Protein backbone atom coordinates (compact mmCIF):
# COMPACT_ATOMS: atom_id res chain seq x y z
CA MET A 1 47.81 17.88 -54.31
CA SER A 2 49.02 16.87 -57.76
CA ILE A 3 47.93 13.47 -59.05
CA ASP A 4 51.38 12.76 -60.46
CA GLU A 5 53.74 12.90 -57.50
CA PRO A 6 52.41 10.19 -55.16
CA LEU A 7 51.67 7.77 -58.02
CA ARG A 8 55.04 8.31 -59.67
CA ARG A 9 56.87 8.00 -56.35
CA ALA A 10 55.05 4.78 -55.47
CA ALA A 11 56.03 3.29 -58.84
CA GLU A 12 59.68 4.32 -58.38
CA LEU A 13 59.83 2.81 -54.90
CA ALA A 14 58.12 -0.40 -55.99
CA ILE A 15 60.46 -0.93 -58.94
CA ALA A 16 63.53 -0.20 -56.81
CA TYR A 17 62.32 -2.68 -54.17
CA ARG A 18 61.84 -5.45 -56.75
CA HIS A 19 65.39 -4.93 -58.03
CA ARG A 20 66.83 -5.03 -54.50
CA VAL A 21 64.99 -8.23 -53.59
CA ALA A 22 66.10 -9.99 -56.76
CA ALA A 23 69.74 -9.05 -56.21
CA ALA A 24 69.92 -9.49 -52.43
CA ALA A 25 72.22 -12.19 -51.10
CA ARG A 26 70.16 -12.31 -47.91
CA THR A 27 66.77 -10.93 -46.94
CA PRO A 28 66.51 -10.82 -43.13
CA THR A 29 63.29 -9.31 -41.81
CA ARG A 30 62.84 -7.34 -38.62
CA PRO A 31 60.27 -8.80 -36.17
CA TYR A 32 56.73 -7.55 -35.67
CA ALA A 33 57.48 -5.86 -32.35
CA ASP A 34 60.16 -3.68 -33.96
CA LEU A 35 57.87 -2.76 -36.84
CA LEU A 36 54.99 -1.95 -34.49
CA ALA A 37 57.23 0.41 -32.55
CA ALA A 38 58.37 2.06 -35.80
CA PHE A 39 54.82 2.57 -37.13
CA ASP A 40 53.35 3.63 -33.79
CA ALA A 41 52.48 7.31 -33.45
CA PRO A 42 49.66 9.48 -32.13
CA THR A 43 46.60 9.82 -34.36
CA PRO A 44 47.42 12.51 -36.97
CA GLU A 45 45.53 15.75 -36.35
CA THR A 46 46.48 17.33 -39.66
CA GLY A 47 47.26 15.87 -43.05
CA SER A 48 50.64 15.40 -44.72
CA ASP A 49 51.97 15.82 -48.22
CA GLY A 50 51.04 12.78 -50.34
CA GLU A 51 54.51 12.07 -51.69
CA ALA A 52 55.98 12.39 -48.20
CA VAL A 53 53.42 9.89 -46.89
CA ILE A 54 54.40 7.37 -49.57
CA ASP A 55 58.08 7.85 -48.74
CA ALA A 56 57.37 7.38 -45.04
CA LEU A 57 55.35 4.22 -45.69
CA ALA A 58 58.13 2.64 -47.74
CA HIS A 59 60.78 3.63 -45.18
CA LEU A 60 58.80 2.09 -42.31
CA ALA A 61 57.54 -1.01 -44.10
CA GLU A 62 60.49 -2.31 -46.10
CA PRO A 63 62.50 -3.61 -43.11
CA GLY A 64 59.52 -5.81 -42.27
CA LEU A 65 58.66 -7.08 -45.75
CA ARG A 66 59.14 -10.81 -46.18
CA ALA A 67 60.76 -11.40 -49.57
CA THR A 68 57.86 -13.39 -50.98
CA VAL A 69 58.36 -11.87 -54.44
CA GLY A 70 61.98 -13.01 -54.65
CA PRO A 71 63.39 -16.31 -55.92
CA ARG A 72 64.36 -17.71 -52.50
CA PHE A 73 61.07 -17.80 -50.63
CA PHE A 74 60.00 -21.35 -49.77
CA GLY A 75 58.02 -20.78 -46.57
CA TRP A 76 54.49 -21.41 -47.83
CA VAL A 77 52.81 -22.02 -51.17
CA ILE A 78 52.89 -18.34 -52.05
CA GLY A 79 53.31 -17.02 -55.57
CA ALA A 80 55.73 -14.24 -56.35
CA SER A 81 53.25 -11.60 -57.62
CA HIS A 82 54.55 -11.46 -61.19
CA PRO A 83 55.41 -7.93 -62.43
CA VAL A 84 52.80 -8.14 -65.21
CA GLY A 85 50.10 -9.02 -62.69
CA VAL A 86 51.31 -6.27 -60.36
CA ALA A 87 51.21 -3.73 -63.20
CA ALA A 88 47.65 -4.78 -64.04
CA ASP A 89 46.78 -4.50 -60.35
CA TRP A 90 48.24 -0.97 -60.23
CA LEU A 91 45.91 -0.05 -63.06
CA THR A 92 43.06 -1.78 -61.25
CA ALA A 93 43.68 0.33 -58.16
CA ALA A 94 44.08 3.52 -60.20
CA TRP A 95 40.89 2.85 -62.14
CA GLY A 96 39.03 2.37 -58.85
CA GLN A 97 36.39 0.06 -60.27
CA ASN A 98 33.88 -1.69 -58.02
CA ALA A 99 33.45 -5.06 -59.72
CA GLY A 100 29.96 -5.65 -58.35
CA ASN A 101 28.04 -5.53 -61.63
CA HIS A 102 28.05 -4.68 -65.34
CA THR A 103 26.72 -1.17 -64.92
CA ALA A 104 29.20 -0.08 -62.24
CA ALA A 105 32.18 -1.65 -64.02
CA PRO A 106 31.48 -3.01 -67.51
CA ALA A 107 35.17 -3.51 -68.35
CA ALA A 108 35.78 -5.42 -65.11
CA ALA A 109 32.77 -7.65 -65.78
CA ALA A 110 33.93 -8.35 -69.33
CA ALA A 111 37.50 -9.16 -68.22
CA GLU A 112 36.14 -11.60 -65.61
CA THR A 113 33.91 -13.32 -68.14
CA VAL A 114 36.78 -13.95 -70.54
CA ALA A 115 39.31 -14.80 -67.82
CA ALA A 116 36.84 -17.32 -66.36
CA ARG A 117 36.53 -19.02 -69.74
CA TRP A 118 40.32 -19.14 -70.10
CA LEU A 119 40.69 -20.63 -66.62
CA LEU A 120 38.25 -23.45 -67.32
CA ASP A 121 40.05 -24.20 -70.58
CA ILE A 122 43.55 -24.21 -69.06
CA LEU A 123 42.49 -26.28 -66.02
CA ASP A 124 40.43 -28.56 -68.29
CA LEU A 125 37.29 -28.32 -66.18
CA PRO A 126 33.68 -28.35 -67.46
CA ARG A 127 33.38 -25.35 -69.77
CA SER A 128 29.85 -24.59 -68.57
CA ALA A 129 30.94 -24.27 -64.93
CA SER A 130 30.54 -20.93 -63.16
CA VAL A 131 33.52 -19.06 -61.70
CA GLY A 132 33.51 -16.65 -58.78
CA PHE A 133 36.52 -14.34 -58.37
CA VAL A 134 37.20 -14.32 -54.62
CA THR A 135 40.02 -13.44 -52.23
CA GLY A 136 41.67 -16.87 -52.19
CA ALA A 137 41.16 -20.57 -51.59
CA THR A 138 39.69 -19.97 -48.13
CA VAL A 139 36.74 -18.05 -49.55
CA ALA A 140 36.66 -20.24 -52.65
CA ASN A 141 36.12 -23.29 -50.42
CA PHE A 142 33.45 -21.35 -48.52
CA VAL A 143 31.59 -20.39 -51.71
CA CYS A 144 31.74 -23.88 -53.21
CA LEU A 145 30.61 -25.52 -49.98
CA ALA A 146 27.78 -22.97 -49.68
CA ALA A 147 26.59 -24.13 -53.11
CA ALA A 148 27.01 -27.75 -51.98
CA ARG A 149 25.05 -27.15 -48.77
CA GLY A 150 22.22 -25.50 -50.66
CA GLU A 151 21.94 -28.16 -53.35
CA VAL A 152 22.18 -31.17 -50.97
CA LEU A 153 19.44 -29.69 -48.79
CA ARG A 154 17.33 -28.76 -51.84
CA ARG A 155 17.37 -32.43 -52.87
CA LEU A 156 16.13 -33.23 -49.36
CA GLY A 157 13.25 -30.78 -49.78
CA TRP A 158 14.74 -27.88 -47.82
CA ASP A 159 15.49 -24.34 -49.05
CA VAL A 160 18.40 -23.25 -46.88
CA GLU A 161 18.75 -19.91 -48.68
CA THR A 162 15.32 -18.78 -47.43
CA LYS A 163 14.76 -20.89 -44.31
CA GLY A 164 18.27 -21.16 -42.91
CA LEU A 165 19.54 -24.22 -41.05
CA PHE A 166 17.02 -24.23 -38.20
CA GLY A 167 14.97 -27.38 -38.69
CA ALA A 168 16.92 -28.48 -41.77
CA PRO A 169 17.39 -32.22 -42.31
CA PRO A 170 20.88 -33.39 -41.34
CA PHE A 171 23.47 -34.65 -43.79
CA ASP A 172 27.09 -35.75 -43.47
CA VAL A 173 30.26 -34.03 -44.59
CA VAL A 174 32.93 -36.63 -45.41
CA ILE A 175 36.49 -35.33 -45.34
CA GLY A 176 40.03 -36.69 -45.17
CA ASP A 177 42.04 -36.50 -41.95
CA ASP A 178 44.65 -34.31 -43.65
CA ALA A 179 42.37 -31.76 -45.29
CA HIS A 180 43.50 -28.15 -45.11
CA SER A 181 42.38 -26.14 -42.09
CA THR A 182 40.59 -23.61 -44.30
CA VAL A 183 38.08 -26.26 -45.37
CA PHE A 184 37.19 -26.88 -41.74
CA SER A 185 36.89 -23.11 -41.28
CA ALA A 186 34.52 -22.89 -44.24
CA LEU A 187 32.34 -25.59 -42.68
CA GLN A 188 32.36 -23.60 -39.44
CA PHE A 189 31.33 -20.39 -41.21
CA LEU A 190 28.50 -22.23 -42.99
CA GLY A 191 27.00 -23.56 -39.78
CA LEU A 192 27.99 -27.14 -40.60
CA GLY A 193 30.60 -27.33 -37.83
CA HIS A 194 34.30 -28.07 -38.17
CA ASP A 195 34.04 -31.10 -35.86
CA ARG A 196 30.67 -32.39 -37.02
CA VAL A 197 32.23 -34.25 -39.92
CA ARG A 198 32.89 -37.85 -40.85
CA ARG A 199 36.68 -38.00 -41.02
CA VAL A 200 38.38 -40.58 -43.22
CA GLU A 201 41.75 -42.22 -42.59
CA THR A 202 44.65 -41.15 -44.81
CA ASP A 203 47.96 -42.76 -45.80
CA ASP A 204 51.51 -41.59 -45.06
CA GLN A 205 51.26 -38.94 -47.80
CA GLY A 206 47.91 -37.57 -46.62
CA ARG A 207 45.81 -39.30 -49.30
CA VAL A 208 42.35 -40.60 -48.42
CA ARG A 209 42.36 -44.40 -48.19
CA PRO A 210 39.76 -45.84 -50.62
CA ALA A 211 38.60 -48.66 -48.33
CA ALA A 212 38.05 -46.27 -45.43
CA PHE A 213 36.25 -43.89 -47.78
CA ALA A 214 33.93 -46.64 -49.01
CA ARG A 215 33.02 -47.43 -45.40
CA ALA A 216 32.31 -43.76 -44.74
CA MET A 217 30.03 -43.60 -47.78
CA ALA A 218 28.14 -46.67 -46.66
CA ALA A 219 27.55 -45.09 -43.25
CA CYS A 220 25.84 -41.99 -44.69
CA ASP A 221 22.05 -42.10 -44.36
CA VAL A 222 21.46 -39.43 -47.03
CA PRO A 223 23.61 -38.07 -49.88
CA PRO A 224 26.60 -36.31 -48.28
CA VAL A 225 29.01 -33.55 -49.17
CA VAL A 226 32.45 -35.00 -49.87
CA VAL A 227 35.63 -32.92 -49.66
CA LEU A 228 38.72 -34.24 -51.48
CA GLN A 229 42.16 -32.76 -52.06
CA ALA A 230 44.29 -31.97 -55.09
CA GLY A 231 47.66 -31.19 -53.49
CA GLN A 232 48.03 -31.87 -49.77
CA LEU A 233 49.46 -28.84 -47.96
CA ASN A 234 52.65 -30.55 -46.78
CA THR A 235 53.31 -33.40 -49.20
CA GLY A 236 51.58 -32.17 -52.37
CA ALA A 237 49.79 -35.55 -52.65
CA PHE A 238 46.48 -36.01 -54.47
CA ASP A 239 43.56 -38.04 -53.24
CA PRO A 240 43.02 -41.04 -55.59
CA MET A 241 40.09 -39.49 -57.44
CA PRO A 242 39.14 -42.40 -59.75
CA GLU A 243 38.82 -44.75 -56.77
CA LEU A 244 36.82 -42.27 -54.70
CA LEU A 245 34.46 -40.71 -57.21
CA ALA A 246 32.59 -43.90 -58.02
CA PRO A 247 31.38 -44.71 -54.48
CA ALA A 248 30.65 -41.02 -53.90
CA ARG A 249 28.56 -40.84 -57.06
CA GLU A 250 26.72 -44.03 -56.14
CA ARG A 251 25.73 -42.37 -52.87
CA GLY A 252 24.56 -39.21 -54.64
CA ALA A 253 27.24 -37.05 -53.02
CA TRP A 254 28.25 -33.50 -53.92
CA ILE A 255 32.01 -33.77 -54.45
CA HIS A 256 34.16 -30.72 -53.74
CA VAL A 257 37.89 -30.55 -54.48
CA ASP A 258 40.20 -28.26 -52.55
CA GLY A 259 42.86 -27.61 -55.19
CA ALA A 260 44.40 -24.39 -53.88
CA PHE A 261 47.65 -25.07 -55.72
CA GLY A 262 47.46 -28.69 -56.87
CA LEU A 263 44.65 -28.05 -59.34
CA TRP A 264 47.21 -26.28 -61.53
CA ALA A 265 48.82 -29.66 -62.24
CA ARG A 266 46.03 -30.03 -64.78
CA ALA A 267 47.58 -27.14 -66.73
CA CYS A 268 50.84 -29.07 -67.17
CA PRO A 269 50.87 -32.10 -69.52
CA THR A 270 53.71 -33.81 -67.61
CA ARG A 271 51.87 -33.49 -64.25
CA ALA A 272 48.22 -33.72 -65.29
CA ALA A 273 48.09 -37.44 -64.46
CA LEU A 274 48.38 -36.51 -60.78
CA ALA A 275 44.94 -34.90 -61.00
CA VAL A 276 43.23 -37.45 -63.23
CA GLY A 277 39.53 -37.67 -62.48
CA VAL A 278 39.38 -34.28 -60.78
CA ASP A 279 37.08 -32.98 -63.49
CA GLY A 280 34.45 -35.46 -62.28
CA ALA A 281 33.79 -33.39 -59.15
CA ASP A 282 31.00 -30.86 -58.61
CA SER A 283 33.08 -27.91 -57.42
CA TRP A 284 36.69 -26.81 -57.19
CA ALA A 285 38.60 -24.17 -55.23
CA THR A 286 41.94 -22.81 -56.38
CA ASP A 287 44.16 -19.74 -56.12
CA GLY A 288 45.47 -17.28 -58.67
CA HIS A 289 48.01 -15.84 -56.23
CA LYS A 290 49.77 -19.18 -56.04
CA TRP A 291 50.77 -20.81 -59.32
CA LEU A 292 49.30 -18.21 -61.66
CA GLN A 293 51.42 -15.60 -59.81
CA THR A 294 48.71 -12.93 -59.64
CA PRO A 295 49.01 -10.35 -56.85
CA TYR A 296 47.01 -10.77 -53.68
CA ASP A 297 44.14 -11.32 -53.25
CA CYS A 298 42.90 -13.65 -55.97
CA GLY A 299 41.14 -17.01 -55.88
CA TYR A 300 38.51 -18.86 -57.88
CA ALA A 301 35.37 -20.70 -56.77
CA ILE A 302 34.37 -23.00 -59.63
CA VAL A 303 31.02 -24.81 -59.60
CA ARG A 304 29.65 -27.26 -62.16
CA ASP A 305 26.03 -26.37 -61.36
CA ALA A 306 25.90 -22.63 -61.99
CA ALA A 307 22.32 -22.44 -60.73
CA ALA A 308 23.32 -23.88 -57.34
CA HIS A 309 26.23 -21.43 -57.27
CA GLU A 310 23.93 -18.49 -57.97
CA ARG A 311 21.33 -19.58 -55.41
CA ALA A 312 23.99 -19.62 -52.72
CA MET A 313 25.55 -16.25 -53.55
CA THR A 314 23.14 -13.91 -55.36
CA ILE A 315 22.58 -10.53 -53.74
CA ALA A 316 19.40 -8.80 -54.91
CA ALA A 317 18.13 -5.27 -54.24
CA SER A 318 15.93 -2.84 -56.12
CA TYR A 319 18.75 -0.35 -56.64
CA LEU A 320 21.02 -2.94 -58.28
CA PRO A 321 20.92 -3.21 -62.06
CA THR A 322 19.83 -6.43 -63.73
CA THR A 323 21.65 -8.24 -66.50
CA GLN A 324 20.40 -9.25 -69.91
CA SER A 325 19.36 -12.86 -70.41
CA GLY A 326 22.41 -15.11 -70.70
CA GLU A 327 24.86 -12.53 -69.36
CA ARG A 328 27.14 -13.39 -66.46
CA ASP A 329 26.59 -11.15 -63.40
CA PRO A 330 29.84 -11.01 -61.36
CA SER A 331 28.03 -10.50 -58.05
CA HIS A 332 26.04 -13.73 -58.37
CA PHE A 333 29.06 -15.94 -57.67
CA VAL A 334 30.81 -14.28 -54.72
CA PRO A 335 29.80 -13.19 -51.20
CA GLU A 336 30.89 -9.57 -51.70
CA LEU A 337 29.03 -6.86 -53.55
CA SER A 338 31.75 -4.22 -53.33
CA ARG A 339 35.07 -5.77 -54.27
CA ARG A 340 38.30 -5.39 -56.18
CA ALA A 341 38.25 -6.09 -59.91
CA ARG A 342 40.39 -9.23 -59.69
CA GLY A 343 39.61 -10.23 -63.24
CA PHE A 344 42.02 -7.66 -64.69
CA ALA A 345 45.16 -9.21 -63.12
CA THR A 346 43.94 -12.74 -63.94
CA TRP A 347 43.31 -11.76 -67.55
CA ALA A 348 46.73 -10.08 -67.75
CA MET A 349 48.65 -13.06 -66.33
CA ILE A 350 46.98 -15.60 -68.58
CA ARG A 351 47.48 -13.33 -71.57
CA HIS A 352 51.15 -12.86 -70.61
CA LEU A 353 52.07 -16.48 -69.85
CA GLY A 354 49.69 -18.30 -72.15
CA ARG A 355 48.90 -21.99 -71.83
CA ARG A 356 52.49 -22.98 -72.64
CA GLY A 357 54.03 -20.54 -70.19
CA ILE A 358 51.86 -21.76 -67.32
CA ALA A 359 52.64 -25.39 -68.14
CA GLU A 360 56.37 -24.67 -68.34
CA MET A 361 56.37 -22.88 -64.99
CA VAL A 362 54.54 -25.70 -63.20
CA GLU A 363 56.88 -28.28 -64.70
CA ARG A 364 59.97 -26.23 -63.80
CA HIS A 365 58.90 -25.85 -60.20
CA CYS A 366 58.16 -29.56 -59.85
CA ARG A 367 61.49 -30.45 -61.43
CA LEU A 368 63.38 -28.08 -59.13
CA ALA A 369 61.58 -29.45 -56.07
CA ALA A 370 62.80 -32.92 -57.01
CA ARG A 371 66.33 -31.54 -57.52
CA ILE A 372 66.33 -29.94 -54.07
CA ALA A 373 64.90 -33.06 -52.43
CA SER A 374 67.43 -35.37 -54.07
CA ALA A 375 70.40 -33.23 -53.05
CA LEU A 376 69.31 -32.84 -49.43
CA ALA A 377 68.23 -36.47 -49.00
CA ALA A 378 71.85 -37.45 -49.76
CA GLU A 379 73.03 -35.51 -46.70
CA PRO A 380 73.64 -37.67 -43.59
CA GLY A 381 70.94 -37.19 -40.98
CA VAL A 382 68.33 -35.83 -43.40
CA THR A 383 65.14 -37.85 -43.93
CA LEU A 384 62.81 -37.05 -46.80
CA LEU A 385 59.20 -37.54 -45.68
CA ASN A 386 57.23 -37.23 -48.91
CA ASP A 387 57.15 -38.48 -52.47
CA VAL A 388 58.14 -35.37 -54.42
CA ALA A 389 55.74 -35.55 -57.34
CA LEU A 390 54.69 -31.91 -57.22
CA ASN A 391 56.40 -28.82 -55.75
CA GLN A 392 56.44 -29.69 -52.04
CA VAL A 393 59.45 -31.02 -50.11
CA VAL A 394 59.10 -32.19 -46.49
CA MET A 395 62.13 -33.33 -44.50
CA ARG A 396 63.35 -33.99 -41.00
CA PHE A 397 66.76 -33.69 -39.39
CA GLY A 398 68.38 -35.96 -36.82
CA ASP A 399 67.19 -39.22 -35.37
CA GLY A 400 64.79 -40.47 -32.73
CA GLU A 401 63.47 -38.25 -29.97
CA SER A 402 66.12 -35.60 -30.61
CA GLY A 403 64.84 -35.11 -34.17
CA ASP A 404 62.22 -32.54 -33.20
CA ALA A 405 64.78 -30.31 -31.48
CA ALA A 406 67.32 -30.73 -34.30
CA THR A 407 64.71 -29.92 -36.93
CA GLN A 408 63.44 -26.84 -35.14
CA GLU A 409 66.98 -25.58 -34.55
CA THR A 410 67.83 -26.11 -38.23
CA ILE A 411 64.77 -24.10 -39.26
CA ARG A 412 65.72 -21.33 -36.82
CA ARG A 413 69.22 -21.12 -38.27
CA ILE A 414 67.89 -21.05 -41.83
CA GLN A 415 65.63 -18.14 -40.95
CA ASP A 416 68.31 -16.27 -38.99
CA ASP A 417 70.74 -16.58 -41.90
CA GLY A 418 68.20 -15.08 -44.30
CA THR A 419 69.60 -16.54 -47.52
CA ILE A 420 66.26 -18.25 -48.01
CA PHE A 421 63.04 -18.30 -46.02
CA ALA A 422 61.53 -21.64 -45.08
CA GLY A 423 59.29 -22.75 -42.25
CA GLY A 424 58.26 -25.80 -40.31
CA ALA A 425 55.13 -27.83 -39.66
CA ARG A 426 54.13 -30.84 -37.65
CA TRP A 427 53.65 -33.86 -39.89
CA ARG A 428 52.57 -37.17 -38.45
CA GLY A 429 53.26 -35.89 -34.96
CA ARG A 430 56.82 -34.77 -35.69
CA TRP A 431 58.38 -31.47 -36.66
CA ALA A 432 59.54 -31.13 -40.26
CA LEU A 433 60.94 -28.51 -42.61
CA ARG A 434 58.65 -27.57 -45.52
CA LEU A 435 59.97 -26.19 -48.80
CA SER A 436 57.41 -24.92 -51.30
CA VAL A 437 58.89 -24.29 -54.73
CA ILE A 438 56.58 -21.78 -56.43
CA SER A 439 58.39 -18.49 -57.06
CA ALA A 440 58.03 -17.38 -60.67
CA THR A 441 61.73 -16.48 -60.85
CA ILE A 442 63.38 -19.54 -59.28
CA ASP A 443 65.87 -21.40 -61.48
CA GLU A 444 68.51 -24.08 -60.98
CA THR A 445 70.99 -21.61 -59.50
CA GLU A 446 68.51 -20.49 -56.89
CA ALA A 447 67.45 -24.06 -56.17
CA ASP A 448 71.07 -24.98 -55.52
CA ARG A 449 71.47 -21.91 -53.33
CA ALA A 450 68.52 -23.18 -51.27
CA VAL A 451 70.17 -26.59 -50.95
CA ASP A 452 73.36 -24.96 -49.67
CA ALA A 453 71.44 -22.82 -47.16
CA VAL A 454 69.59 -25.81 -45.71
CA ARG A 455 72.66 -28.03 -45.76
CA ASN A 456 74.81 -25.44 -44.02
CA ALA A 457 72.21 -24.85 -41.31
CA TRP A 458 71.87 -28.58 -40.65
CA ARG A 459 75.62 -29.15 -40.61
CA SER A 460 76.07 -26.41 -38.04
CA VAL A 461 73.42 -28.03 -35.82
CA ARG A 462 74.95 -31.46 -36.26
CA GLN A 463 78.43 -30.12 -35.45
CA ARG A 464 77.09 -28.41 -32.32
CA ASP A 465 75.50 -31.65 -31.19
CA GLY A 466 78.66 -33.61 -31.92
CA GLY A 467 77.14 -35.52 -34.82
C-alpha cells in the first residue's frame, strides 16, 4: 500500500466536509440506530484497500456527524476544533509520537513545556505551577483532586501514594450543590465517594453562598478539600472567590477550581473580573477543546504545588528514562504513560491566536450570548433564567405547570429543524433550553440565525397550544 493515497484522501474528505458544514443551511443528523445498522457487518476476514476504507468510513459516518465544528452548534460547551489545531493534530497523528517522556518524544516534551508556560501566562495563574496535558476537564479534575488528596493526607501524617486509603484519617470534601457531575465522578474514582461530601447551598445562579460555606468550614474537624467553580455548567456563574478563599485558607483547606470553560475568562480583560481571586486556589482544571478550540481530546490539570502533583501521578520503572535535574517530565503530571502528544495542538493554537486573539474570541462569544438572550427574552412566553455574564444562555418557554412540556417540545422542534443544534437540561427542578456560545466561527449573522430558529420553534409550539 502506498503511503500517499489514504492520507491524501483523508485530507480531501476532511476539507470538503468542513466546507459543507460551514455552508449548510441545516445540519440534520441521523439517529444512532440508523448509523449502527449502516456500520454493522460481519468481522472482516480479509483486508481492504486503504483508500477504499477511508472512503467507506466517510460515507458511513458523515450522516451521523453532529455539526460541532460549524457556527450553529449550541448544544454543549464544545469548541469547534479550529482548522489550525486540526492541522497540527493531523501532524501529531502522522508523527505517531508517544508523549510519555523526553527520550521517546523529545519534540512533544519540548512543545508541552513551552505550551504549559504560555497557558499559565495567558490564564494569569502562578507561573511556577505544574501542568498536566490530559484528555479533558474530567481527567483534569481527577488529577488535581488526586494531588489534593495526597497533600491533605500527607499533612495528617499519612502517605496515600504508598499505603492507600485503608486506615487513612478521614477528611471532608466541601463542594457546592451545583458542581459539575465530573467532579463527583473524580471523587468516586479517587475512593473519596461522590456522596460522602459536605454539600453547600447555592443561589439561583448556582453560586456557593458565602454564609453557608463559612458554616461548612467551621464544621470540618481537619483541613478539608474545597471544590469551587469558575463557570457553572448551565448559567456560567462564578463562585464568589474572594469571599470563599479567606475562610478556606483559615481552615487550611486545599482549594480546587473546576474551570472547564470559565477559567478562560481570565484571558479576556473585559471578563477577567468574573474570575477575580481564582489565582488564589491550589489547583485548577480547564479544557483546551472548549475555548482554545483545540481538537479532542485536550485538557489541562494545573497544580500550584508541583511536588504534590508529581507525588500523585509519577510512574516509575527501571526501563523508563530519567530526566536531567530541573527538566519537566511529561509523564509525572498525568495518569497515562502512553498518550497522544496533545502539546502540539495546544502550542499551535496559542501561536495562531495569540493572547489578543484568545481575548477577542472570548469577548465576542460573551457579547453574542448577551445579544441572543436579549432578543429571545423580548419574545412573549420566554423567560430568561440566568444572568448572561459569560457565554451561557438558559431559558424556559410557557408558564406554570405546562412550561416543562412547552420547553421540551420547543427543543424537539429546534433539533428536528436542524438549523441549529441546542439541547435541554433540568435547572432548579424545571426543564430549560441551554445555548452555549463557543464556536470559533460564530458571528452576529449566525447569532441572529440562532435567534430566529429558537423563536420560530417556540412560536409554532405556542400556536399549536393556542397561545
